[in-house]
Amino acid sequence: MKKIAITVNNENDNIYWQFGQCPRFKVFEVNDENHIVSYGYLPVMGQKADKDLEAMVQNDVNVIISEGMSPGVVNKIEEEGLSIEVYAGVKGKADDAIIKYLAGMLEQESVTVH
């Protein structure tokens, strides 16, 4: 199983502009055949990127998709050797992003700093 967390707003599940300031995460569970088996929402941990990253680790998240992510978060993932892929620069609806990800069509953009 793989877990993919996408930063989303509260209104319509549009991808939120910044990992460390998003209101919630839409988390998809994907099986070994690359099919979505479930999804739900994970609340943020007080608008702090470090706390949100900690929540990702505690919830066994393997992939984070966001419009923007600070280099500090990306560096922490790398420094701590966490097995989390980061896709930044992604815009639009969370459901569209997960479909592109599962089809291998979601491109990793350079990290957007906000």
PDB file of N, CA and C in Angstrom:
ATOM      1  N   MET A   1       0.840  -1.190   0.000  1.00  0.00           N
ATOM      2  CA  MET A   1       0.000   0.000   0.000  1.00  0.00           C
ATOM      3  C   MET A   1       0.879   1.246   0.000  1.00  0.00           C
ATOM      4  N   LYS A   2       0.408   2.242  -0.677  1.00  0.00           N
ATOM      5  CA  LYS A   2       1.088   3.526  -0.738  1.00  0.00           C
ATOM      6  C   LYS A   2       0.080   4.591  -0.331  1.00  0.00           C
ATOM      7  N   LYS A   3       0.565   5.623   0.376  1.00  0.00           N
ATOM      8  CA  LYS A   3      -0.295   6.742   0.753  1.00  0.00           C
ATOM      9  C   LYS A   3       0.225   8.008   0.098  1.00  0.00           C
ATOM     10  N   ILE A   4      -0.690   8.732  -0.530  1.00  0.00           N
ATOM     11  CA  ILE A   4      -0.374   9.965  -1.230  1.00  0.00           C
ATOM     12  C   ILE A   4      -1.176  11.093  -0.591  1.00  0.00           C
ATOM     13  N   ALA A   5      -0.480  12.115  -0.083  1.00  0.00           N
ATOM     14  CA  ALA A   5      -1.133  13.263   0.554  1.00  0.00           C
ATOM     15  C   ALA A   5      -1.048  14.464  -0.378  1.00  0.00           C
ATOM     16  N   ILE A   6      -2.182  15.123  -0.562  1.00  0.00           N
ATOM     17  CA  ILE A   6      -2.252  16.300  -1.417  1.00  0.00           C
ATOM     18  C   ILE A   6      -2.757  17.469  -0.577  1.00  0.00           C
ATOM     19  N   THR A   7      -2.044  18.600  -0.647  1.00  0.00           N
ATOM     20  CA  THR A   7      -2.496  19.797   0.070  1.00  0.00           C
ATOM     21  C   THR A   7      -3.760  20.312  -0.609  1.00  0.00           C
ATOM     22  N   VAL A   8      -4.828  20.512   0.170  1.00  0.00           N
ATOM     23  CA  VAL A   8      -6.084  20.991  -0.423  1.00  0.00           C
ATOM     24  C   VAL A   8      -6.709  22.091   0.432  1.00  0.00           C
ATOM     25  N   ASN A   9      -7.569  22.884  -0.235  1.00  0.00           N
ATOM     26  CA  ASN A   9      -8.331  23.890   0.493  1.00  0.00           C
ATOM     27  C   ASN A   9      -9.582  23.234   1.083  1.00  0.00           C
ATOM     28  N   ASN A  10     -10.346  23.988   1.835  1.00  0.00           N
ATOM     29  CA  ASN A  10     -11.562  23.448   2.462  1.00  0.00           C
ATOM     30  C   ASN A  10     -12.782  23.502   1.552  1.00  0.00           C
ATOM     31  N   GLU A  11     -12.742  24.317   0.503  1.00  0.00           N
ATOM     32  CA  GLU A  11     -13.931  24.561  -0.299  1.00  0.00           C
ATOM     33  C   GLU A  11     -14.195  23.501  -1.359  1.00  0.00           C
ATOM     34  N   ASN A  12     -13.180  23.192  -2.187  1.00  0.00           N
ATOM     35  CA  ASN A  12     -13.450  22.347  -3.349  1.00  0.00           C
ATOM     36  C   ASN A  12     -12.303  21.389  -3.708  1.00  0.00           C
ATOM     37  N   ASP A  13     -11.442  21.130  -2.761  1.00  0.00           N
ATOM     38  CA  ASP A  13     -10.306  20.217  -2.960  1.00  0.00           C
ATOM     39  C   ASP A  13      -9.346  20.668  -4.054  1.00  0.00           C
ATOM     40  N   ASN A  14      -9.271  21.984  -4.290  1.00  0.00           N
ATOM     41  CA  ASN A  14      -8.211  22.498  -5.151  1.00  0.00           C
ATOM     42  C   ASN A  14      -6.893  22.349  -4.402  1.00  0.00           C
ATOM     43  N   ILE A  15      -5.827  22.095  -5.136  1.00  0.00           N
ATOM     44  CA  ILE A  15      -4.515  21.965  -4.528  1.00  0.00           C
ATOM     45  C   ILE A  15      -4.124  23.309  -3.926  1.00  0.00           C
ATOM     46  N   TYR A  16      -3.710  23.260  -2.675  1.00  0.00           N
ATOM     47  CA  TYR A  16      -3.377  24.490  -1.951  1.00  0.00           C
ATOM     48  C   TYR A  16      -1.975  24.948  -2.308  1.00  0.00           C
ATOM     49  N   TRP A  17      -1.756  26.239  -2.241  1.00  0.00           N
ATOM     50  CA  TRP A  17      -0.527  26.856  -2.731  1.00  0.00           C
ATOM     51  C   TRP A  17       0.707  26.579  -1.889  1.00  0.00           C
ATOM     52  N   GLN A  18       0.553  26.090  -0.631  1.00  0.00           N
ATOM     53  CA  GLN A  18       1.732  25.907   0.208  1.00  0.00           C
ATOM     54  C   GLN A  18       1.540  24.779   1.206  1.00  0.00           C
ATOM     55  N   PHE A  19       2.493  23.857   1.244  1.00  0.00           N
ATOM     56  CA  PHE A  19       2.447  22.717   2.161  1.00  0.00           C
ATOM     57  C   PHE A  19       2.275  23.145   3.609  1.00  0.00           C
ATOM     58  N   GLY A  20       3.114  24.052   4.085  1.00  0.00           N
ATOM     59  CA  GLY A  20       3.128  24.416   5.499  1.00  0.00           C
ATOM     60  C   GLY A  20       1.989  25.302   5.956  1.00  0.00           C
ATOM     61  N   GLN A  21       1.117  25.709   5.045  1.00  0.00           N
ATOM     62  CA  GLN A  21       0.017  26.584   5.429  1.00  0.00           C
ATOM     63  C   GLN A  21      -1.341  26.084   4.952  1.00  0.00           C
ATOM     64  N   CYS A  22      -1.398  24.889   4.427  1.00  0.00           N
ATOM     65  CA  CYS A  22      -2.671  24.385   3.900  1.00  0.00           C
ATOM     66  C   CYS A  22      -3.636  24.047   5.034  1.00  0.00           C
ATOM     67  N   PRO A  23      -4.944  24.098   4.769  1.00  0.00           N
ATOM     68  CA  PRO A  23      -5.928  23.792   5.800  1.00  0.00           C
ATOM     69  C   PRO A  23      -6.084  22.301   6.093  1.00  0.00           C
ATOM     70  N   ARG A  24      -5.783  21.462   5.088  1.00  0.00           N
ATOM     71  CA  ARG A  24      -5.904  20.008   5.299  1.00  0.00           C
ATOM     72  C   ARG A  24      -5.240  19.277   4.144  1.00  0.00           C
ATOM     73  N   PHE A  25      -5.100  17.982   4.326  1.00  0.00           N
ATOM     74  CA  PHE A  25      -4.529  17.110   3.305  1.00  0.00           C
ATOM     75  C   PHE A  25      -5.574  16.079   2.889  1.00  0.00           C
ATOM     76  N   LYS A  26      -5.673  15.838   1.606  1.00  0.00           N
ATOM     77  CA  LYS A  26      -6.498  14.736   1.112  1.00  0.00           C
ATOM     78  C   LYS A  26      -5.536  13.582   0.906  1.00  0.00           C
ATOM     79  N   VAL A  27      -5.774  12.479   1.596  1.00  0.00           N
ATOM     80  CA  VAL A  27      -4.854  11.345   1.580  1.00  0.00           C
ATOM     81  C   VAL A  27      -5.519  10.154   0.892  1.00  0.00           C
ATOM     82  N   PHE A  28      -4.854   9.663  -0.149  1.00  0.00           N
ATOM     83  CA  PHE A  28      -5.331   8.513  -0.904  1.00  0.00           C
ATOM     84  C   PHE A  28      -4.499   7.291  -0.536  1.00  0.00           C
ATOM     85  N   GLU A  29      -5.163   6.156  -0.347  1.00  0.00           N
ATOM     86  CA  GLU A  29      -4.457   4.883  -0.196  1.00  0.00           C
ATOM     87  C   GLU A  29      -4.545   4.159  -1.529  1.00  0.00           C
ATOM     88  N   VAL A  30      -3.392   3.693  -2.002  1.00  0.00           N
ATOM     89  CA  VAL A  30      -3.291   3.068  -3.311  1.00  0.00           C
ATOM     90  C   VAL A  30      -2.687   1.677  -3.129  1.00  0.00           C
ATOM     91  N   ASN A  31      -3.292   0.678  -3.778  1.00  0.00           N
ATOM     92  CA  ASN A  31      -2.773  -0.684  -3.643  1.00  0.00           C
ATOM     93  C   ASN A  31      -1.624  -0.938  -4.623  1.00  0.00           C
ATOM     94  N   ASP A  32      -1.084  -2.143  -4.601  1.00  0.00           N
ATOM     95  CA  ASP A  32       0.072  -2.490  -5.440  1.00  0.00           C
ATOM     96  C   ASP A  32      -0.254  -2.476  -6.934  1.00  0.00           C
ATOM     97  N   GLU A  33      -1.537  -2.534  -7.282  1.00  0.00           N
ATOM     98  CA  GLU A  33      -1.947  -2.469  -8.688  1.00  0.00           C
ATOM     99  C   GLU A  33      -2.222  -1.026  -9.124  1.00  0.00           C
ATOM    100  N   ASN A  34      -1.869  -0.066  -8.260  1.00  0.00           N
ATOM    101  CA  ASN A  34      -2.048   1.360  -8.560  1.00  0.00           C
ATOM    102  C   ASN A  34      -3.514   1.774  -8.640  1.00  0.00           C
ATOM    103  N   HIS A  35      -4.351   1.140  -7.835  1.00  0.00           N
ATOM    104  CA  HIS A  35      -5.762   1.507  -7.751  1.00  0.00           C
ATOM    105  C   HIS A  35      -6.033   2.162  -6.401  1.00  0.00           C
ATOM    106  N   ILE A  36      -6.841   3.195  -6.402  1.00  0.00           N
ATOM    107  CA  ILE A  36      -7.228   3.858  -5.165  1.00  0.00           C
ATOM    108  C   ILE A  36      -8.188   2.944  -4.412  1.00  0.00           C
ATOM    109  N   VAL A  37      -7.847   2.658  -3.158  1.00  0.00           N
ATOM    110  CA  VAL A  37      -8.724   1.803  -2.353  1.00  0.00           C
ATOM    111  C   VAL A  37      -9.509   2.613  -1.318  1.00  0.00           C
ATOM    112  N   SER A  38      -8.980   3.793  -0.967  1.00  0.00           N
ATOM    113  CA  SER A  38      -9.712   4.656  -0.044  1.00  0.00           C
ATOM    114  C   SER A  38      -9.083   6.049  -0.060  1.00  0.00           C
ATOM    115  N   TYR A  39      -9.823   6.990   0.498  1.00  0.00           N
ATOM    116  CA  TYR A  39      -9.273   8.325   0.715  1.00  0.00           C
ATOM    117  C   TYR A  39      -9.960   8.938   1.916  1.00  0.00           C
ATOM    118  N   GLY A  40      -9.296   9.921   2.479  1.00  0.00           N
ATOM    119  CA  GLY A  40      -9.845  10.645   3.614  1.00  0.00           C
ATOM    120  C   GLY A  40      -9.085  11.944   3.776  1.00  0.00           C
ATOM    121  N   TYR A  41      -9.377  12.628   4.843  1.00  0.00           N
ATOM    122  CA  TYR A  41      -8.743  13.919   5.086  1.00  0.00           C
ATOM    123  C   TYR A  41      -7.959  13.875   6.379  1.00  0.00           C
ATOM    124  N   LEU A  42      -6.795  14.480   6.333  1.00  0.00           N
ATOM    125  CA  LEU A  42      -5.929  14.583   7.498  1.00  0.00           C
ATOM    126  C   LEU A  42      -5.817  16.067   7.838  1.00  0.00           C
ATOM    127  N   PRO A  43      -6.181  16.444   9.060  1.00  0.00           N
ATOM    128  CA  PRO A  43      -6.076  17.859   9.417  1.00  0.00           C
ATOM    129  C   PRO A  43      -4.617  18.263   9.562  1.00  0.00           C
ATOM    130  N   VAL A  44      -4.375  19.552   9.441  1.00  0.00           N
ATOM    131  CA  VAL A  44      -3.018  20.058   9.634  1.00  0.00           C
ATOM    132  C   VAL A  44      -2.712  20.127  11.127  1.00  0.00           C
ATOM    133  N   MET A  45      -1.447  20.262  11.423  1.00  0.00           N
ATOM    134  CA  MET A  45      -1.006  20.255  12.813  1.00  0.00           C
ATOM    135  C   MET A  45      -0.634  21.661  13.279  1.00  0.00           C
ATOM    136  N   GLY A  46      -1.499  22.651  13.039  1.00  0.00           N
ATOM    137  CA  GLY A  46      -1.277  23.988  13.571  1.00  0.00           C
ATOM    138  C   GLY A  46      -0.529  24.929  12.657  1.00  0.00           C
ATOM    139  N   GLN A  47      -0.630  24.738  11.347  1.00  0.00           N
ATOM    140  CA  GLN A  47      -0.013  25.641  10.379  1.00  0.00           C
ATOM    141  C   GLN A  47       1.503  25.723  10.521  1.00  0.00           C
ATOM    142  N   LYS A  48       2.137  24.614  10.805  1.00  0.00           N
ATOM    143  CA  LYS A  48       3.593  24.544  10.903  1.00  0.00           C
ATOM    144  C   LYS A  48       4.085  23.417  10.011  1.00  0.00           C
ATOM    145  N   ALA A  49       4.992  23.734   9.105  1.00  0.00           N
ATOM    146  CA  ALA A  49       5.478  22.740   8.150  1.00  0.00           C
ATOM    147  C   ALA A  49       6.148  21.560   8.845  1.00  0.00           C
ATOM    148  N   ASP A  50       6.925  21.803   9.901  1.00  0.00           N
ATOM    149  CA  ASP A  50       7.591  20.700  10.605  1.00  0.00           C
ATOM    150  C   ASP A  50       6.578  19.743  11.221  1.00  0.00           C
ATOM    151  N   LYS A  51       5.530  20.294  11.803  1.00  0.00           N
ATOM    152  CA  LYS A  51       4.485  19.454  12.414  1.00  0.00           C
ATOM    153  C   LYS A  51       3.724  18.681  11.344  1.00  0.00           C
ATOM    154  N   ASP A  52       3.461  19.335  10.208  1.00  0.00           N
ATOM    155  CA  ASP A  52       2.773  18.645   9.120  1.00  0.00           C
ATOM    156  C   ASP A  52       3.633  17.515   8.562  1.00  0.00           C
ATOM    157  N   LEU A  53       4.932  17.750   8.436  1.00  0.00           N
ATOM    158  CA  LEU A  53       5.835  16.705   7.960  1.00  0.00           C
ATOM    159  C   LEU A  53       5.869  15.544   8.953  1.00  0.00           C
ATOM    160  N   GLU A  54       5.861  15.859  10.230  1.00  0.00           N
ATOM    161  CA  GLU A  54       5.805  14.826  11.264  1.00  0.00           C
ATOM    162  C   GLU A  54       4.528  13.998  11.128  1.00  0.00           C
ATOM    163  N   ALA A  55       3.404  14.666  10.841  1.00  0.00           N
ATOM    164  CA  ALA A  55       2.132  13.955  10.641  1.00  0.00           C
ATOM    165  C   ALA A  55       2.198  13.049   9.418  1.00  0.00           C
ATOM    166  N   MET A  56       2.895  13.487   8.383  1.00  0.00           N
ATOM    167  CA  MET A  56       3.059  12.654   7.181  1.00  0.00           C
ATOM    168  C   MET A  56       3.818  11.369   7.534  1.00  0.00           C
ATOM    169  N   VAL A  57       4.873  11.506   8.320  1.00  0.00           N
ATOM    170  CA  VAL A  57       5.669  10.347   8.733  1.00  0.00           C
ATOM    171  C   VAL A  57       4.819   9.420   9.602  1.00  0.00           C
ATOM    172  N   GLN A  58       4.115   9.971  10.582  1.00  0.00           N
ATOM    173  CA  GLN A  58       3.287   9.166  11.486  1.00  0.00           C
ATOM    174  C   GLN A  58       2.171   8.433  10.754  1.00  0.00           C
ATOM    175  N   ASN A  59       1.693   8.992   9.642  1.00  0.00           N
ATOM    176  CA  ASN A  59       0.610   8.372   8.878  1.00  0.00           C
ATOM    177  C   ASN A  59       1.111   7.582   7.673  1.00  0.00           C
ATOM    178  N   ASP A  60       2.415   7.313   7.642  1.00  0.00           N
ATOM    179  CA  ASP A  60       3.034   6.477   6.599  1.00  0.00           C
ATOM    180  C   ASP A  60       2.792   7.007   5.182  1.00  0.00           C
ATOM    181  N   VAL A  61       2.829   8.324   5.017  1.00  0.00           N
ATOM    182  CA  VAL A  61       2.659   8.933   3.697  1.00  0.00           C
ATOM    183  C   VAL A  61       3.944   8.741   2.889  1.00  0.00           C
ATOM    184  N   ASN A  62       3.797   8.302   1.634  1.00  0.00           N
ATOM    185  CA  ASN A  62       4.938   8.056   0.746  1.00  0.00           C
ATOM    186  C   ASN A  62       5.159   9.160  -0.270  1.00  0.00           C
ATOM    187  N   VAL A  63       4.087   9.932  -0.576  1.00  0.00           N
ATOM    188  CA  VAL A  63       4.153  10.960  -1.609  1.00  0.00           C
ATOM    189  C   VAL A  63       3.398  12.187  -1.110  1.00  0.00           C
ATOM    190  N   ILE A  64       3.986  13.371  -1.330  1.00  0.00           N
ATOM    191  CA  ILE A  64       3.315  14.633  -1.032  1.00  0.00           C
ATOM    192  C   ILE A  64       3.205  15.409  -2.338  1.00  0.00           C
ATOM    193  N   ILE A  65       1.989  15.881  -2.632  1.00  0.00           N
ATOM    194  CA  ILE A  65       1.742  16.696  -3.819  1.00  0.00           C
ATOM    195  C   ILE A  65       1.219  18.048  -3.346  1.00  0.00           C
ATOM    196  N   SER A  66       1.851  19.128  -3.838  1.00  0.00           N
ATOM    197  CA  SER A  66       1.473  20.471  -3.435  1.00  0.00           C
ATOM    198  C   SER A  66       1.835  21.453  -4.537  1.00  0.00           C
ATOM    199  N   GLU A  67       1.227  22.620  -4.489  1.00  0.00           N
ATOM    200  CA  GLU A  67       1.654  23.661  -5.422  1.00  0.00           C
ATOM    201  C   GLU A  67       3.015  24.206  -5.003  1.00  0.00           C
ATOM    202  N   GLY A  68       3.196  24.424  -3.714  1.00  0.00           N
ATOM    203  CA  GLY A  68       4.460  24.954  -3.230  1.00  0.00           C
ATOM    204  C   GLY A  68       4.944  24.233  -1.998  1.00  0.00           C
ATOM    205  N   MET A  69       6.256  24.155  -1.865  1.00  0.00           N
ATOM    206  CA  MET A  69       6.863  23.541  -0.690  1.00  0.00           C
ATOM    207  C   MET A  69       8.188  24.234  -0.444  1.00  0.00           C
ATOM    208  N   SER A  70       8.423  24.606   0.786  1.00  0.00           N
ATOM    209  CA  SER A  70       9.653  25.330   1.094  1.00  0.00           C
ATOM    210  C   SER A  70      10.867  24.403   0.986  1.00  0.00           C
ATOM    211  N   PRO A  71      12.006  24.965   0.619  1.00  0.00           N
ATOM    212  CA  PRO A  71      13.218  24.159   0.558  1.00  0.00           C
ATOM    213  C   PRO A  71      13.571  23.549   1.911  1.00  0.00           C
ATOM    214  N   GLY A  72      13.179  24.209   3.008  1.00  0.00           N
ATOM    215  CA  GLY A  72      13.460  23.672   4.335  1.00  0.00           C
ATOM    216  C   GLY A  72      12.804  22.325   4.558  1.00  0.00           C
ATOM    217  N   VAL A  73      11.577  22.170   4.094  1.00  0.00           N
ATOM    218  CA  VAL A  73      10.876  20.892   4.241  1.00  0.00           C
ATOM    219  C   VAL A  73      11.533  19.832   3.359  1.00  0.00           C
ATOM    220  N   VAL A  74      11.834  20.204   2.137  1.00  0.00           N
ATOM    221  CA  VAL A  74      12.486  19.261   1.219  1.00  0.00           C
ATOM    222  C   VAL A  74      13.844  18.838   1.782  1.00  0.00           C
ATOM    223  N   ASN A  75      14.606  19.793   2.306  1.00  0.00           N
ATOM    224  CA  ASN A  75      15.910  19.475   2.896  1.00  0.00           C
ATOM    225  C   ASN A  75      15.762  18.539   4.087  1.00  0.00           C
ATOM    226  N   LYS A  76      14.751  18.765   4.902  1.00  0.00           N
ATOM    227  CA  LYS A  76      14.532  17.909   6.077  1.00  0.00           C
ATOM    228  C   LYS A  76      14.200  16.479   5.640  1.00  0.00           C
ATOM    229  N   ILE A  77      13.399  16.338   4.597  1.00  0.00           N
ATOM    230  CA  ILE A  77      13.085  15.003   4.074  1.00  0.00           C
ATOM    231  C   ILE A  77      14.368  14.301   3.641  1.00  0.00           C
ATOM    232  N   GLU A  78      15.223  15.026   2.936  1.00  0.00           N
ATOM    233  CA  GLU A  78      16.476  14.453   2.448  1.00  0.00           C
ATOM    234  C   GLU A  78      17.448  14.167   3.594  1.00  0.00           C
ATOM    235  N   GLU A  79      17.613  15.133   4.506  1.00  0.00           N
ATOM    236  CA  GLU A  79      18.551  14.981   5.620  1.00  0.00           C
ATOM    237  C   GLU A  79      18.190  13.822   6.535  1.00  0.00           C
ATOM    238  N   GLU A  80      16.902  13.623   6.761  1.00  0.00           N
ATOM    239  CA  GLU A  80      16.460  12.548   7.647  1.00  0.00           C
ATOM    240  C   GLU A  80      16.275  11.225   6.912  1.00  0.00           C
ATOM    241  N   GLY A  81      16.525  11.230   5.611  1.00  0.00           N
ATOM    242  CA  GLY A  81      16.415   9.995   4.835  1.00  0.00           C
ATOM    243  C   GLY A  81      15.004   9.441   4.766  1.00  0.00           C
ATOM    244  N   LEU A  82      14.013  10.331   4.775  1.00  0.00           N
ATOM    245  CA  LEU A  82      12.622   9.885   4.731  1.00  0.00           C
ATOM    246  C   LEU A  82      12.269   9.410   3.325  1.00  0.00           C
ATOM    247  N   SER A  83      11.490   8.369   3.253  1.00  0.00           N
ATOM    248  CA  SER A  83      11.067   7.815   1.961  1.00  0.00           C
ATOM    249  C   SER A  83       9.791   8.502   1.498  1.00  0.00           C
ATOM    250  N   ILE A  84       9.899   9.796   1.226  1.00  0.00           N
ATOM    251  CA  ILE A  84       8.752  10.580   0.774  1.00  0.00           C
ATOM    252  C   ILE A  84       9.143  11.286  -0.516  1.00  0.00           C
ATOM    253  N   GLU A  85       8.374  11.011  -1.571  1.00  0.00           N
ATOM    254  CA  GLU A  85       8.558  11.727  -2.836  1.00  0.00           C
ATOM    255  C   GLU A  85       7.787  13.040  -2.749  1.00  0.00           C
ATOM    256  N   VAL A  86       8.337  14.100  -3.329  1.00  0.00           N
ATOM    257  CA  VAL A  86       7.687  15.400  -3.315  1.00  0.00           C
ATOM    258  C   VAL A  86       7.412  15.849  -4.745  1.00  0.00           C
ATOM    259  N   TYR A  87       6.165  16.211  -4.999  1.00  0.00           N
ATOM    260  CA  TYR A  87       5.761  16.801  -6.276  1.00  0.00           C
ATOM    261  C   TYR A  87       5.265  18.203  -5.971  1.00  0.00           C
ATOM    262  N   ALA A  88       6.058  19.205  -6.321  1.00  0.00           N
ATOM    263  CA  ALA A  88       5.675  20.594  -6.107  1.00  0.00           C
ATOM    264  C   ALA A  88       5.407  21.238  -7.460  1.00  0.00           C
ATOM    265  N   GLY A  89       4.716  22.360  -7.431  1.00  0.00           N
ATOM    266  CA  GLY A  89       4.381  23.053  -8.664  1.00  0.00           C
ATOM    267  C   GLY A  89       3.128  22.516  -9.322  1.00  0.00           C
ATOM    268  N   VAL A  90       2.351  21.724  -8.585  1.00  0.00           N
ATOM    269  CA  VAL A  90       1.144  21.098  -9.133  1.00  0.00           C
ATOM    270  C   VAL A  90      -0.058  21.977  -8.799  1.00  0.00           C
ATOM    271  N   LYS A  91      -0.871  22.276  -9.795  1.00  0.00           N
ATOM    272  CA  LYS A  91      -2.064  23.102  -9.608  1.00  0.00           C
ATOM    273  C   LYS A  91      -3.294  22.332 -10.070  1.00  0.00           C
ATOM    274  N   GLY A  92      -4.462  22.806  -9.650  1.00  0.00           N
ATOM    275  CA  GLY A  92      -5.717  22.204 -10.097  1.00  0.00           C
ATOM    276  C   GLY A  92      -6.407  21.441  -8.987  1.00  0.00           C
ATOM    277  N   LYS A  93      -7.176  20.461  -9.378  1.00  0.00           N
ATOM    278  CA  LYS A  93      -7.955  19.637  -8.448  1.00  0.00           C
ATOM    279  C   LYS A  93      -7.115  18.456  -7.950  1.00  0.00           C
ATOM    280  N   ALA A  94      -7.302  18.108  -6.690  1.00  0.00           N
ATOM    281  CA  ALA A  94      -6.586  16.978  -6.109  1.00  0.00           C
ATOM    282  C   ALA A  94      -6.903  15.680  -6.855  1.00  0.00           C
ATOM    283  N   ASP A  95      -8.176  15.481  -7.228  1.00  0.00           N
ATOM    284  CA  ASP A  95      -8.554  14.242  -7.917  1.00  0.00           C
ATOM    285  C   ASP A  95      -7.884  14.129  -9.285  1.00  0.00           C
ATOM    286  N   ASP A  96      -7.708  15.244  -9.966  1.00  0.00           N
ATOM    287  CA  ASP A  96      -7.001  15.220 -11.251  1.00  0.00           C
ATOM    288  C   ASP A  96      -5.528  14.889 -11.043  1.00  0.00           C
ATOM    289  N   ALA A  97      -4.935  15.440  -9.990  1.00  0.00           N
ATOM    290  CA  ALA A  97      -3.519  15.188  -9.708  1.00  0.00           C
ATOM    291  C   ALA A  97      -3.264  13.724  -9.381  1.00  0.00           C
ATOM    292  N   ILE A  98      -4.158  13.099  -8.613  1.00  0.00           N
ATOM    293  CA  ILE A  98      -3.937  11.689  -8.259  1.00  0.00           C
ATOM    294  C   ILE A  98      -4.062  10.812  -9.496  1.00  0.00           C
ATOM    295  N   ILE A  99      -4.978  11.142 -10.383  1.00  0.00           N
ATOM    296  CA  ILE A  99      -5.123  10.374 -11.622  1.00  0.00           C
ATOM    297  C   ILE A  99      -3.859  10.490 -12.466  1.00  0.00           C
ATOM    298  N   LYS A 100      -3.326  11.701 -12.594  1.00  0.00           N
ATOM    299  CA  LYS A 100      -2.082  11.894 -13.340  1.00  0.00           C
ATOM    300  C   LYS A 100      -0.922  11.162 -12.669  1.00  0.00           C
ATOM    301  N   TYR A 101      -0.860  11.219 -11.344  1.00  0.00           N
ATOM    302  CA  TYR A 101       0.215  10.533 -10.626  1.00  0.00           C
ATOM    303  C   TYR A 101       0.166   9.027 -10.900  1.00  0.00           C
ATOM    304  N   LEU A 102      -1.013   8.450 -10.758  1.00  0.00           N
ATOM    305  CA  LEU A 102      -1.152   7.001 -10.951  1.00  0.00           C
ATOM    306  C   LEU A 102      -0.861   6.577 -12.390  1.00  0.00           C
ATOM    307  N   ALA A 103      -1.087   7.485 -13.342  1.00  0.00           N
ATOM    308  CA  ALA A 103      -0.801   7.195 -14.749  1.00  0.00           C
ATOM    309  C   ALA A 103       0.659   7.490 -15.112  1.00  0.00           C
ATOM    310  N   GLY A 104       1.438   7.971 -14.131  1.00  0.00           N
ATOM    311  CA  GLY A 104       2.830   8.307 -14.393  1.00  0.00           C
ATOM    312  C   GLY A 104       3.000   9.585 -15.190  1.00  0.00           C
ATOM    313  N   MET A 105       1.996  10.449 -15.161  1.00  0.00           N
ATOM    314  CA  MET A 105       2.016  11.674 -15.968  1.00  0.00           C
ATOM    315  C   MET A 105       2.186  12.943 -15.140  1.00  0.00           C
ATOM    316  N   LEU A 106       2.358  12.799 -13.822  1.00  0.00           N
ATOM    317  CA  LEU A 106       2.547  13.972 -12.978  1.00  0.00           C
ATOM    318  C   LEU A 106       4.033  14.286 -12.938  1.00  0.00           C
ATOM    319  N   GLU A 107       4.367  15.482 -13.349  1.00  0.00           N
ATOM    320  CA  GLU A 107       5.770  15.861 -13.410  1.00  0.00           C
ATOM    321  C   GLU A 107       6.190  16.566 -12.138  1.00  0.00           C
ATOM    322  N   GLN A 108       7.402  16.267 -11.691  1.00  0.00           N
ATOM    323  CA  GLN A 108       7.959  16.957 -10.547  1.00  0.00           C
ATOM    324  C   GLN A 108       8.538  18.282 -11.034  1.00  0.00           C
ATOM    325  N   GLU A 109       8.031  19.337 -10.462  1.00  0.00           N
ATOM    326  CA  GLU A 109       8.497  20.677 -10.802  1.00  0.00           C
ATOM    327  C   GLU A 109       9.541  21.096  -9.777  1.00  0.00           C
ATOM    328  N   SER A 110      10.208  22.178 -10.060  1.00  0.00           N
ATOM    329  CA  SER A 110      11.123  22.721  -9.058  1.00  0.00           C
ATOM    330  C   SER A 110      10.305  23.212  -7.882  1.00  0.00           C
ATOM    331  N   VAL A 111      10.897  23.182  -6.721  1.00  0.00           N
ATOM    332  CA  VAL A 111      10.191  23.559  -5.503  1.00  0.00           C
ATOM    333  C   VAL A 111       9.883  25.053  -5.526  1.00  0.00           C
ATOM    334  N   THR A 112       8.626  25.386  -5.248  1.00  0.00           N
ATOM    335  CA  THR A 112       8.194  26.779  -5.207  1.00  0.00           C
ATOM    336  C   THR A 112       8.288  27.278  -3.778  1.00  0.00           C
ATOM    337  N   VAL A 113       8.984  28.369  -3.573  1.00  0.00           N
ATOM    338  CA  VAL A 113       9.143  28.926  -2.232  1.00  0.00           C
ATOM    339  C   VAL A 113       8.130  30.040  -2.033  1.00  0.00           C
ATOM    340  N   HIS A 114       7.414  29.971  -0.918  1.00  0.00           N
ATOM    341  CA  HIS A 114       6.447  31.022  -0.562  1.00  0.00           C
ATOM    342  C   HIS A 114       6.768  31.552   0.807  1.00  0.00           C
TER     343      HIS A 114
END
